[in-house]
Amino acid sequence: MCLETIHIARRVAEVPLLQQTDFQPRGGTPLLDAIMDTIAAISSSLEGREPGEVKVIVAIQTDGEENASRRHGWEEVKGRICAMEQQGWEFIFMGAGLREEAYNMGRKLGLKDDKIVAYGTDREATRSIFEATAANMSLFASGMALSTSYSSAQKVTAGDAFGGDEACEDGPEPDLGGASGVDLDTLAPLPAASPDPVPFMRRARVDSAVMSEPEEPS
């Protein structure tokens, strides 16, 4: 079992398109280890920066349930996420085809329902949730939104029928237009004063492999 890092801090325009060969199911999902490794990598990249100087958004995306982590447990990861949220980090959980289990896992990580989405696996649902996520991130990064929360409308459009009720507790959803809630072409760029207009990007891909002598969890 291994965690494979695909891209680190690359501009989106420089990232090659994914190919069918990039997706090789191996039956293992060390989700908790991947989350902790990603948090550690981002924290290391921010050493020397003032707290709050860079807005951090961690998007946790999976199509499988945790079943292979060896180094970290649920409570440890939940505590770390809570600590980073107190420093202003944003976390979202995107479960593809996981139905209610996406919410079960997100809640075990300490996330509220408006930061969790259980989206469908067809082309339309996948495109919809990626558009919604990009819009929410852009609004948050530019200071036009206080968080990266999903609205009920965004969830429903992406095929989520399992937990959209908490997204609008603080009031009615703004009518920003478009299936994702905002027209991406009209978004203003990040403020010129931002010292780091290109957000730190890291995607950890979870891989598994047959091991002849698997190590026992500590």
C-alpha atoms as a PDB file:
ATOM      1  CA  MET A   1       0.000   0.000   0.000  1.00  0.00           C
ATOM      2  CA  CYS A   2       1.375   3.408  -0.901  1.00  0.00           C
ATOM      3  CA  LEU A   3       0.332   7.026  -1.220  1.00  0.00           C
ATOM      4  CA  GLU A   4       1.290   8.554  -4.532  1.00  0.00           C
ATOM      5  CA  THR A   5       1.597  12.319  -4.944  1.00  0.00           C
ATOM      6  CA  ILE A   6       0.689  13.402  -8.464  1.00  0.00           C
ATOM      7  CA  HIS A   7       1.174  17.185  -8.571  1.00  0.00           C
ATOM      8  CA  ILE A   8       2.464  19.701  -6.042  1.00  0.00           C
ATOM      9  CA  ALA A   9       1.914  23.463  -6.309  1.00  0.00           C
ATOM     10  CA  ARG A  10       1.348  23.525 -10.063  1.00  0.00           C
ATOM     11  CA  ARG A  11      -0.788  26.016 -11.938  1.00  0.00           C
ATOM     12  CA  VAL A  12      -3.961  24.362 -13.165  1.00  0.00           C
ATOM     13  CA  ALA A  13      -3.125  25.302 -16.765  1.00  0.00           C
ATOM     14  CA  GLU A  14       0.125  23.318 -16.482  1.00  0.00           C
ATOM     15  CA  VAL A  15      -1.488  20.117 -15.220  1.00  0.00           C
ATOM     16  CA  PRO A  16      -1.968  17.570 -18.047  1.00  0.00           C
ATOM     17  CA  LEU A  17      -5.420  16.185 -18.672  1.00  0.00           C
ATOM     18  CA  LEU A  18      -6.197  12.964 -16.850  1.00  0.00           C
ATOM     19  CA  GLN A  19      -6.209   9.837 -18.985  1.00  0.00           C
ATOM     20  CA  GLN A  20      -7.993   6.529 -18.525  1.00  0.00           C
ATOM     21  CA  THR A  21      -4.685   4.962 -17.503  1.00  0.00           C
ATOM     22  CA  ASP A  22      -4.500   7.357 -14.534  1.00  0.00           C
ATOM     23  CA  PHE A  23      -7.360   5.502 -12.873  1.00  0.00           C
ATOM     24  CA  GLN A  24      -6.283   2.057 -11.713  1.00  0.00           C
ATOM     25  CA  PRO A  25      -8.523   0.745  -8.890  1.00  0.00           C
ATOM     26  CA  ARG A  26      -6.538  -1.331  -6.433  1.00  0.00           C
ATOM     27  CA  GLY A  27      -9.084  -2.011  -3.736  1.00  0.00           C
ATOM     28  CA  GLY A  28      -7.430  -0.040  -0.933  1.00  0.00           C
ATOM     29  CA  THR A  29      -8.278   3.348   0.557  1.00  0.00           C
ATOM     30  CA  PRO A  30      -5.838   4.604   3.237  1.00  0.00           C
ATOM     31  CA  LEU A  31      -7.890   7.797   3.446  1.00  0.00           C
ATOM     32  CA  LEU A  32      -6.819   8.874   6.931  1.00  0.00           C
ATOM     33  CA  ASP A  33      -3.123   8.501   6.157  1.00  0.00           C
ATOM     34  CA  ALA A  34      -3.602  10.513   2.952  1.00  0.00           C
ATOM     35  CA  ILE A  35      -5.368  13.327   4.809  1.00  0.00           C
ATOM     36  CA  MET A  36      -2.678  13.576   7.476  1.00  0.00           C
ATOM     37  CA  ASP A  37       0.144  13.467   4.928  1.00  0.00           C
ATOM     38  CA  THR A  38      -1.519  16.243   2.939  1.00  0.00           C
ATOM     39  CA  ILE A  39      -2.006  18.436   6.008  1.00  0.00           C
ATOM     40  CA  ALA A  40       1.642  17.908   6.960  1.00  0.00           C
ATOM     41  CA  ALA A  41       2.840  18.780   3.450  1.00  0.00           C
ATOM     42  CA  ILE A  42       0.796  21.972   3.309  1.00  0.00           C
ATOM     43  CA  SER A  43       1.890  23.003   6.807  1.00  0.00           C
ATOM     44  CA  SER A  44       5.520  22.501   5.820  1.00  0.00           C
ATOM     45  CA  SER A  45       5.063  24.624   2.695  1.00  0.00           C
ATOM     46  CA  LEU A  46       3.677  27.478   4.802  1.00  0.00           C
ATOM     47  CA  GLU A  47       6.556  27.646   7.276  1.00  0.00           C
ATOM     48  CA  GLY A  48       7.673  31.231   7.710  1.00  0.00           C
ATOM     49  CA  ARG A  49       4.307  32.653   6.661  1.00  0.00           C
ATOM     50  CA  GLU A  50       2.156  34.672   9.030  1.00  0.00           C
ATOM     51  CA  PRO A  51      -1.043  32.936  10.238  1.00  0.00           C
ATOM     52  CA  GLY A  52      -3.854  33.744   7.825  1.00  0.00           C
ATOM     53  CA  GLU A  53      -1.494  35.091   5.156  1.00  0.00           C
ATOM     54  CA  VAL A  54      -2.452  32.258   2.792  1.00  0.00           C
ATOM     55  CA  LYS A  55      -5.969  30.857   2.545  1.00  0.00           C
ATOM     56  CA  VAL A  56      -5.871  27.073   2.653  1.00  0.00           C
ATOM     57  CA  ILE A  57      -8.607  24.813   1.287  1.00  0.00           C
ATOM     58  CA  VAL A  58      -8.255  21.047   1.641  1.00  0.00           C
ATOM     59  CA  ALA A  59     -10.606  19.089  -0.635  1.00  0.00           C
ATOM     60  CA  ILE A  60     -10.935  15.453   0.407  1.00  0.00           C
ATOM     61  CA  GLN A  61     -12.295  13.397  -2.477  1.00  0.00           C
ATOM     62  CA  THR A  62     -12.886   9.650  -2.469  1.00  0.00           C
ATOM     63  CA  ASP A  63     -15.007   6.974  -4.092  1.00  0.00           C
ATOM     64  CA  GLY A  64     -14.280   4.405  -1.390  1.00  0.00           C
ATOM     65  CA  GLU A  65     -14.508   3.980   2.352  1.00  0.00           C
ATOM     66  CA  GLU A  66     -11.455   4.045   4.607  1.00  0.00           C
ATOM     67  CA  ASN A  67     -10.028   0.528   4.843  1.00  0.00           C
ATOM     68  CA  ALA A  68      -6.241   0.618   4.752  1.00  0.00           C
ATOM     69  CA  SER A  69      -4.687   3.374   6.900  1.00  0.00           C
ATOM     70  CA  ARG A  70      -1.844   2.123   9.082  1.00  0.00           C
ATOM     71  CA  ARG A  71      -0.528   5.228  10.814  1.00  0.00           C
ATOM     72  CA  HIS A  72      -3.524   7.339  11.812  1.00  0.00           C
ATOM     73  CA  GLY A  73      -7.018   6.845  13.251  1.00  0.00           C
ATOM     74  CA  TRP A  74     -10.310   8.727  13.009  1.00  0.00           C
ATOM     75  CA  GLU A  75     -10.046  10.627  16.291  1.00  0.00           C
ATOM     76  CA  GLU A  76      -6.485  11.748  15.593  1.00  0.00           C
ATOM     77  CA  VAL A  77      -7.395  13.040  12.133  1.00  0.00           C
ATOM     78  CA  LYS A  78     -10.553  14.707  13.430  1.00  0.00           C
ATOM     79  CA  GLY A  79      -8.513  16.512  16.078  1.00  0.00           C
ATOM     80  CA  ARG A  80      -5.958  17.694  13.533  1.00  0.00           C
ATOM     81  CA  ILE A  81      -8.657  18.978  11.189  1.00  0.00           C
ATOM     82  CA  CYS A  82     -10.301  20.843  14.073  1.00  0.00           C
ATOM     83  CA  ALA A  83      -6.975  22.433  15.008  1.00  0.00           C
ATOM     84  CA  MET A  84      -6.334  23.555  11.434  1.00  0.00           C
ATOM     85  CA  GLU A  85      -9.867  24.941  11.091  1.00  0.00           C
ATOM     86  CA  GLN A  86      -9.159  27.114  14.112  1.00  0.00           C
ATOM     87  CA  GLN A  87      -6.251  28.542  12.109  1.00  0.00           C
ATOM     88  CA  GLY A  88      -8.599  29.420   9.261  1.00  0.00           C
ATOM     89  CA  TRP A  89      -8.184  26.362   7.051  1.00  0.00           C
ATOM     90  CA  GLU A  90     -11.213  25.151   5.094  1.00  0.00           C
ATOM     91  CA  PHE A  91     -12.019  21.462   4.619  1.00  0.00           C
ATOM     92  CA  ILE A  92     -14.583  19.882   2.311  1.00  0.00           C
ATOM     93  CA  PHE A  93     -15.437  16.212   1.825  1.00  0.00           C
ATOM     94  CA  MET A  94     -16.509  14.974  -1.619  1.00  0.00           C
ATOM     95  CA  GLY A  95     -17.823  11.416  -1.763  1.00  0.00           C
ATOM     96  CA  ALA A  96     -18.420   9.979  -5.236  1.00  0.00           C
ATOM     97  CA  GLY A  97     -21.241   7.438  -5.309  1.00  0.00           C
ATOM     98  CA  LEU A  98     -21.025   6.840  -1.559  1.00  0.00           C
ATOM     99  CA  ARG A  99     -24.571   7.982  -0.710  1.00  0.00           C
ATOM    100  CA  GLU A 100     -25.143   8.293   3.065  1.00  0.00           C
ATOM    101  CA  GLU A 101     -21.684   6.912   3.832  1.00  0.00           C
ATOM    102  CA  ALA A 102     -20.121  10.132   2.545  1.00  0.00           C
ATOM    103  CA  TYR A 103     -21.875  11.993   5.356  1.00  0.00           C
ATOM    104  CA  ASN A 104     -20.964   9.343   7.909  1.00  0.00           C
ATOM    105  CA  MET A 105     -17.274   9.689   7.048  1.00  0.00           C
ATOM    106  CA  GLY A 106     -17.348  13.487   6.822  1.00  0.00           C
ATOM    107  CA  ARG A 107     -19.021  13.772  10.215  1.00  0.00           C
ATOM    108  CA  LYS A 108     -16.470  11.389  11.749  1.00  0.00           C
ATOM    109  CA  LEU A 109     -13.853  13.888  10.580  1.00  0.00           C
ATOM    110  CA  GLY A 110     -15.713  16.652  12.429  1.00  0.00           C
ATOM    111  CA  LEU A 111     -17.114  18.360   9.338  1.00  0.00           C
ATOM    112  CA  LYS A 112     -20.567  19.911   9.194  1.00  0.00           C
ATOM    113  CA  ASP A 113     -23.021  18.783   6.539  1.00  0.00           C
ATOM    114  CA  ASP A 114     -22.588  21.939   4.471  1.00  0.00           C
ATOM    115  CA  LYS A 115     -18.947  20.944   3.927  1.00  0.00           C
ATOM    116  CA  ILE A 116     -19.887  17.425   2.783  1.00  0.00           C
ATOM    117  CA  VAL A 117     -21.359  16.324  -0.534  1.00  0.00           C
ATOM    118  CA  ALA A 118     -22.386  12.873  -1.785  1.00  0.00           C
ATOM    119  CA  TYR A 119     -22.445  13.417  -5.518  1.00  0.00           C
ATOM    120  CA  GLY A 120     -23.442  11.112  -8.353  1.00  0.00           C
ATOM    121  CA  THR A 121     -20.960   9.318 -10.568  1.00  0.00           C
ATOM    122  CA  ASP A 122     -22.342  10.161 -14.004  1.00  0.00           C
ATOM    123  CA  ARG A 123     -20.879  12.827 -16.289  1.00  0.00           C
ATOM    124  CA  GLU A 124     -23.471  15.494 -15.433  1.00  0.00           C
ATOM    125  CA  ALA A 125     -23.220  15.098 -11.656  1.00  0.00           C
ATOM    126  CA  THR A 126     -19.426  15.056 -11.714  1.00  0.00           C
ATOM    127  CA  ARG A 127     -19.222  18.177 -13.856  1.00  0.00           C
ATOM    128  CA  SER A 128     -21.795  19.923 -11.674  1.00  0.00           C
ATOM    129  CA  ILE A 129     -19.972  19.292  -8.398  1.00  0.00           C
ATOM    130  CA  PHE A 130     -16.613  20.323  -9.846  1.00  0.00           C
ATOM    131  CA  GLU A 131     -18.155  23.570 -11.120  1.00  0.00           C
ATOM    132  CA  ALA A 132     -19.758  24.192  -7.730  1.00  0.00           C
ATOM    133  CA  THR A 133     -16.534  23.450  -5.854  1.00  0.00           C
ATOM    134  CA  ALA A 134     -14.504  25.722  -8.140  1.00  0.00           C
ATOM    135  CA  ALA A 135     -17.033  28.525  -7.707  1.00  0.00           C
ATOM    136  CA  ASN A 136     -17.081  28.188  -3.915  1.00  0.00           C
ATOM    137  CA  MET A 137     -13.288  28.140  -3.738  1.00  0.00           C
ATOM    138  CA  SER A 138     -12.977  31.195  -5.985  1.00  0.00           C
ATOM    139  CA  LEU A 139     -15.480  33.163  -3.934  1.00  0.00           C
ATOM    140  CA  PHE A 140     -13.720  32.226  -0.694  1.00  0.00           C
ATOM    141  CA  ALA A 141     -10.234  32.964  -2.041  1.00  0.00           C
ATOM    142  CA  SER A 142     -11.313  36.375  -3.354  1.00  0.00           C
ATOM    143  CA  GLY A 143     -12.954  37.332  -0.058  1.00  0.00           C
ATOM    144  CA  MET A 144     -16.476  37.318  -1.506  1.00  0.00           C
ATOM    145  CA  ALA A 145     -17.534  34.373   0.703  1.00  0.00           C
ATOM    146  CA  LEU A 146     -16.695  33.491   4.288  1.00  0.00           C
ATOM    147  CA  SER A 147     -16.442  29.746   3.684  1.00  0.00           C
ATOM    148  CA  THR A 148     -16.508  27.049   1.029  1.00  0.00           C
ATOM    149  CA  SER A 149     -19.868  25.623   2.121  1.00  0.00           C
ATOM    150  CA  TYR A 150     -22.085  23.932  -0.446  1.00  0.00           C
ATOM    151  CA  SER A 151     -25.628  25.200  -0.891  1.00  0.00           C
ATOM    152  CA  SER A 152     -28.583  22.840  -1.024  1.00  0.00           C
ATOM    153  CA  ALA A 153     -29.098  23.733  -4.684  1.00  0.00           C
ATOM    154  CA  GLN A 154     -25.506  22.816  -5.526  1.00  0.00           C
ATOM    155  CA  LYS A 155     -25.892  19.467  -3.803  1.00  0.00           C
ATOM    156  CA  VAL A 156     -29.179  18.576  -5.455  1.00  0.00           C
ATOM    157  CA  THR A 157     -27.851  19.492  -8.904  1.00  0.00           C
ATOM    158  CA  ALA A 158     -24.910  17.135  -8.299  1.00  0.00           C
ATOM    159  CA  GLY A 159     -27.187  14.232  -7.415  1.00  0.00           C
ATOM    160  CA  ASP A 160     -26.915  14.515  -3.623  1.00  0.00           C
ATOM    161  CA  ALA A 161     -30.221  13.561  -2.005  1.00  0.00           C
ATOM    162  CA  PHE A 162     -28.815  12.524   1.350  1.00  0.00           C
ATOM    163  CA  GLY A 163     -27.850  15.584   3.378  1.00  0.00           C
ATOM    164  CA  GLY A 164     -28.581  18.984   1.910  1.00  0.00           C
ATOM    165  CA  ASP A 165     -30.735  20.383   4.706  1.00  0.00           C
ATOM    166  CA  GLU A 166     -28.027  22.056   6.797  1.00  0.00           C
ATOM    167  CA  ALA A 167     -26.541  24.100   3.968  1.00  0.00           C
ATOM    168  CA  CYS A 168     -29.080  26.922   4.282  1.00  0.00           C
ATOM    169  CA  GLU A 169     -29.545  27.162   8.053  1.00  0.00           C
ATOM    170  CA  ASP A 170     -28.072  30.671   8.183  1.00  0.00           C
ATOM    171  CA  GLY A 171     -30.513  32.125   5.649  1.00  0.00           C
ATOM    172  CA  PRO A 172     -31.701  31.922   2.063  1.00  0.00           C
ATOM    173  CA  GLU A 173     -29.251  31.049  -0.668  1.00  0.00           C
ATOM    174  CA  PRO A 174     -28.108  33.968  -2.839  1.00  0.00           C
ATOM    175  CA  ASP A 175     -29.275  33.831  -6.456  1.00  0.00           C
ATOM    176  CA  LEU A 176     -25.941  34.061  -8.236  1.00  0.00           C
ATOM    177  CA  GLY A 177     -27.012  32.308 -11.427  1.00  0.00           C
ATOM    178  CA  GLY A 178     -25.711  29.185 -13.114  1.00  0.00           C
ATOM    179  CA  ALA A 179     -25.975  25.565 -12.040  1.00  0.00           C
ATOM    180  CA  SER A 180     -23.039  26.001  -9.684  1.00  0.00           C
ATOM    181  CA  GLY A 181     -24.393  29.212  -8.167  1.00  0.00           C
ATOM    182  CA  VAL A 182     -21.990  31.571  -9.937  1.00  0.00           C
ATOM    183  CA  ASP A 183     -20.722  32.331 -13.422  1.00  0.00           C
ATOM    184  CA  LEU A 184     -17.040  31.421 -13.311  1.00  0.00           C
ATOM    185  CA  ASP A 185     -16.285  33.765 -16.211  1.00  0.00           C
ATOM    186  CA  THR A 186     -17.377  36.801 -14.188  1.00  0.00           C
ATOM    187  CA  LEU A 187     -15.328  36.117 -11.063  1.00  0.00           C
ATOM    188  CA  ALA A 188     -12.945  38.890 -10.137  1.00  0.00           C
ATOM    189  CA  PRO A 189      -9.260  37.922  -9.793  1.00  0.00           C
ATOM    190  CA  LEU A 190      -7.657  37.722  -6.389  1.00  0.00           C
ATOM    191  CA  PRO A 191      -6.631  41.082  -4.917  1.00  0.00           C
ATOM    192  CA  ALA A 192      -3.357  42.384  -6.324  1.00  0.00           C
ATOM    193  CA  ALA A 193      -2.007  42.732  -2.802  1.00  0.00           C
ATOM    194  CA  SER A 194      -2.189  38.984  -2.289  1.00  0.00           C
ATOM    195  CA  PRO A 195       1.402  37.727  -1.838  1.00  0.00           C
ATOM    196  CA  ASP A 196       0.488  34.338  -3.256  1.00  0.00           C
ATOM    197  CA  PRO A 197      -2.253  34.563  -5.915  1.00  0.00           C
ATOM    198  CA  VAL A 198      -1.748  30.968  -6.989  1.00  0.00           C
ATOM    199  CA  PRO A 199      -3.050  28.770  -4.150  1.00  0.00           C
ATOM    200  CA  PHE A 200      -0.972  25.859  -2.961  1.00  0.00           C
ATOM    201  CA  MET A 201      -2.307  22.764  -4.680  1.00  0.00           C
ATOM    202  CA  ARG A 202      -1.598  19.203  -3.735  1.00  0.00           C
ATOM    203  CA  ARG A 203      -3.470  16.063  -4.700  1.00  0.00           C
ATOM    204  CA  ALA A 204      -2.669  12.797  -2.980  1.00  0.00           C
ATOM    205  CA  ARG A 205      -3.809   9.705  -4.848  1.00  0.00           C
ATOM    206  CA  VAL A 206      -4.455   6.602  -2.804  1.00  0.00           C
ATOM    207  CA  ASP A 207      -2.912   3.466  -4.280  1.00  0.00           C
ATOM    208  CA  SER A 208      -2.790  -0.063  -2.966  1.00  0.00           C
ATOM    209  CA  ALA A 209      -0.553  -3.005  -3.721  1.00  0.00           C
ATOM    210  CA  VAL A 210      -0.244  -6.588  -2.574  1.00  0.00           C
ATOM    211  CA  MET A 211       2.460  -6.790   0.073  1.00  0.00           C
ATOM    212  CA  SER A 212       4.100 -10.121   0.872  1.00  0.00           C
ATOM    213  CA  GLU A 213       4.830  -9.076   4.446  1.00  0.00           C
ATOM    214  CA  PRO A 214       2.341  -6.379   5.455  1.00  0.00           C
ATOM    215  CA  GLU A 215       3.252  -4.340   8.473  1.00  0.00           C
ATOM    216  CA  GLU A 216       0.927  -4.506  11.435  1.00  0.00           C
ATOM    217  CA  PRO A 217      -0.789  -1.220  12.384  1.00  0.00           C
ATOM    218  CA  SER A 218       0.928   0.473  15.285  1.00  0.00           C
END
